Structures are given as structure tokens and as C-alpha cells.
Protein backbone atom coordinates (compact mmCIF):
# COMPACT_ATOMS: atom_id res chain seq x y z
CA UNK A 1 95.43 108.71 106.50
CA UNK A 2 95.22 109.49 110.22
CA UNK A 3 91.79 109.66 111.76
CA UNK A 4 90.57 112.97 113.17
CA UNK A 5 90.29 111.34 116.60
CA UNK A 6 93.96 110.34 116.51
CA UNK A 7 95.04 113.80 115.33
CA UNK A 8 92.93 115.45 118.06
CA UNK A 9 94.53 113.17 120.65
CA UNK A 10 98.03 114.10 119.54
CA UNK A 11 97.22 117.81 119.52
CA UNK A 12 95.60 117.55 122.96
CA UNK A 13 98.74 115.81 124.23
CA UNK A 14 100.91 118.60 122.84
CA UNK A 15 98.66 121.18 124.47
CA UNK A 16 98.93 119.39 127.83
CA UNK A 17 102.72 119.39 127.59
CA UNK A 18 102.71 123.10 126.77
CA UNK A 19 100.57 123.78 129.85
CA UNK A 20 102.95 121.68 131.95
CA UNK A 21 105.99 123.54 130.64
CA UNK A 22 104.32 126.88 131.36
CA UNK A 23 104.12 125.75 135.00
CA UNK A 24 107.81 124.88 134.91
CA UNK A 25 108.69 128.25 133.38
CA UNK A 26 106.72 129.99 136.15
CA UNK A 27 108.46 127.86 138.80
CA UNK A 28 111.85 128.72 137.33
CA UNK A 29 111.05 132.43 137.23
CA UNK A 30 110.59 132.23 140.99
CA UNK A 31 113.86 130.40 141.64
CA UNK A 32 116.47 131.88 139.29
CA UNK A 33 118.26 135.09 140.19
CA UNK A 34 119.53 136.17 136.77
CA UNK A 35 117.33 138.88 135.26
CA UNK A 36 118.10 137.80 131.70
CA UNK A 37 116.96 134.24 132.45
CA UNK A 38 113.76 135.54 134.05
CA UNK A 39 113.15 137.64 130.94
CA UNK A 40 113.72 134.65 128.65
CA UNK A 41 111.28 132.57 130.70
CA UNK A 42 108.70 135.34 130.34
CA UNK A 43 109.09 135.24 126.56
CA UNK A 44 108.75 131.44 126.58
CA UNK A 45 105.55 131.68 128.62
CA UNK A 46 104.06 134.24 126.27
CA UNK A 47 104.98 132.22 123.18
CA UNK A 48 103.57 129.00 124.65
CA UNK A 49 100.24 130.70 125.34
CA UNK A 50 100.10 131.80 121.71
CA UNK A 51 100.89 128.24 120.60
CA UNK A 52 98.14 126.92 122.88
CA UNK A 53 95.64 129.25 121.22
CA UNK A 54 96.62 127.88 117.80
CA UNK A 55 96.39 124.29 119.01
CA UNK A 56 93.01 124.92 120.64
CA UNK A 57 91.67 126.44 117.44
CA UNK A 58 92.76 123.41 115.37
CA UNK A 59 91.42 120.94 117.93
CA UNK A 60 88.03 122.66 117.81
CA UNK A 61 88.08 122.71 113.99
CA UNK A 62 88.53 118.95 114.09
CA UNK A 63 85.62 118.60 116.52
CA UNK A 64 87.64 117.95 119.66
CA UNK A 65 87.52 119.33 123.16
CA UNK A 66 90.29 121.53 124.51
CA UNK A 67 91.72 120.22 127.79
CA UNK A 68 92.28 123.55 129.58
CA UNK A 69 90.50 122.99 132.86
CA UNK A 70 91.72 119.57 133.81
CA UNK A 71 93.05 118.75 137.24
CA UNK A 72 96.83 118.35 137.32
CA UNK A 73 97.68 115.15 135.53
CA UNK A 74 100.56 112.73 135.95
CA UNK A 75 102.49 114.29 133.04
CA UNK A 76 102.41 117.74 134.60
CA UNK A 77 103.25 116.48 138.08
CA UNK A 78 106.12 114.29 136.84
CA UNK A 79 107.55 117.09 134.71
CA UNK A 80 107.38 119.62 137.54
CA UNK A 81 108.99 117.19 139.97
CA UNK A 82 111.90 116.56 137.59
CA UNK A 83 112.18 120.25 136.71
CA UNK A 84 112.16 121.41 140.31
CA UNK A 85 114.91 118.91 141.18
CA UNK A 86 117.34 121.00 139.10
CA UNK A 87 119.49 122.86 141.65
CA UNK A 88 121.13 125.62 139.60
CA UNK A 89 120.22 128.01 136.83
CA UNK A 90 122.50 126.11 134.45
CA UNK A 91 120.92 122.73 135.22
CA UNK A 92 117.49 124.30 134.83
CA UNK A 93 118.45 125.66 131.40
CA UNK A 94 119.92 122.30 130.39
CA UNK A 95 116.69 120.61 131.51
CA UNK A 96 114.74 122.97 129.24
CA UNK A 97 117.24 122.34 126.42
CA UNK A 98 116.67 118.56 126.63
CA UNK A 99 112.89 119.03 126.66
CA UNK A 100 112.98 121.33 123.65
CA UNK A 101 115.20 118.92 121.74
CA UNK A 102 112.70 116.10 122.43
CA UNK A 103 109.84 118.38 121.36
CA UNK A 104 111.54 119.04 118.02
CA UNK A 105 111.88 115.29 117.46
CA UNK A 106 108.18 114.84 118.29
CA UNK A 107 107.20 117.60 115.87
CA UNK A 108 109.26 115.99 113.11
CA UNK A 109 107.48 112.67 113.67
CA UNK A 110 104.03 114.23 113.74
CA UNK A 111 104.62 116.41 110.68
CA UNK A 112 105.51 113.26 108.75
CA UNK A 113 102.60 111.30 110.21
CA UNK A 114 100.07 114.03 109.39
CA UNK A 115 101.41 114.95 105.96
CA UNK A 116 97.98 114.17 104.46
CA UNK A 117 96.33 116.74 106.76
CA UNK A 118 97.80 119.94 105.37
CA UNK A 119 96.32 122.27 108.00
CA UNK A 120 97.59 120.21 110.92
CA UNK A 121 101.00 119.63 109.32
CA UNK A 122 101.34 123.38 108.66
CA UNK A 123 100.41 124.19 112.25
CA UNK A 124 102.95 121.68 113.53
CA UNK A 125 105.62 123.16 111.26
CA UNK A 126 104.92 126.61 112.72
CA UNK A 127 105.07 125.25 116.26
CA UNK A 128 108.29 123.40 115.44
CA UNK A 129 109.84 126.59 114.09
CA UNK A 130 108.91 128.46 117.26
CA UNK A 131 110.32 125.66 119.42
CA UNK A 132 113.53 125.68 117.39
CA UNK A 133 113.82 129.41 118.02
CA UNK A 134 113.27 128.82 121.75
CA UNK A 135 115.99 126.19 121.77
CA UNK A 136 118.41 128.59 120.08
CA UNK A 137 117.66 131.22 122.72
CA UNK A 138 118.13 128.76 125.58
CA UNK A 139 121.40 127.54 124.08
CA UNK A 140 122.59 131.13 123.67
CA UNK A 141 121.70 131.79 127.31
CA UNK A 142 123.64 128.69 128.38
CA UNK A 143 126.66 129.87 126.40
CA UNK A 144 126.31 133.38 127.78
CA UNK A 145 126.34 132.07 131.34
CA UNK A 146 129.50 130.11 130.64
CA UNK A 147 127.96 126.69 130.13
């Protein structure tokens, strides 16, 4: 059985990545010209904020602190640097596609690891489903733009 401290740490890490990706989505909204891509990024931002609320609620239930007001950390800075190095809309979408694919793998690992904590495993399943839906939308956008 995983300790609450370990579970909190994993959820806090996921929350930090979500905050970092929200920054990337905002950056991309400023740099892409296609209206449909801007709209998709807006949906992703909105959905990530909802996921953050769910993560924050579970972290608090487990007795942890929610890392909302931290200074920019190395993860966020590194992610934004790599994301902003993408020169075209297509490379930006492919960057997001790779990140979402990795996120799905992470969710699968965590769901298995936290199988004995039903509430956390259920939350992670919901977040995984949402991320899978995001990936499908990004892949559809890539296909629609001829990629």
C-alpha cells in the first residue's frame, strides 16, 4: 500500500505539470494563427483548470498542501523552453501530442500503483480519460491540417 505522503507527492507533481502545460497552451495561443487551433487550446486550458480543481481537492483530502503559488520551477521553465522552440503550428501540435502520450503512460502506471486507494485511482482514471480525449482532439487537428 502506498503511503499518503507518496500519493500526495505524485498528485502534486501532476498538478505542477498541468500548471506548466497551461502556460504552454497560453504561449501557443499567442503564436499560432489558425483560429481552430486557438479554440482547441482554449478548451485544453479550461479542461486542465477543472482537472487541477479535482487534484487539489484530493490532495487536501489526503492532508497535503496544494502547490498553486510557487515560483516558476525547473519543470515549468524546461517545458516552456522546449515548447517555445517549436517553430510551426504542426510542430507545436506534435509536441503536445508527445506530451499527452507520455501523460497517458504516467496515468496508467499510477492507476496500477494506487489500486489500493480507490478514490485516488478513480480520480486518475477520470483524468486519464480526459487526457485521452485531448489527445484524440490534437491528433484530429493534426490530420485536419494535413499532418
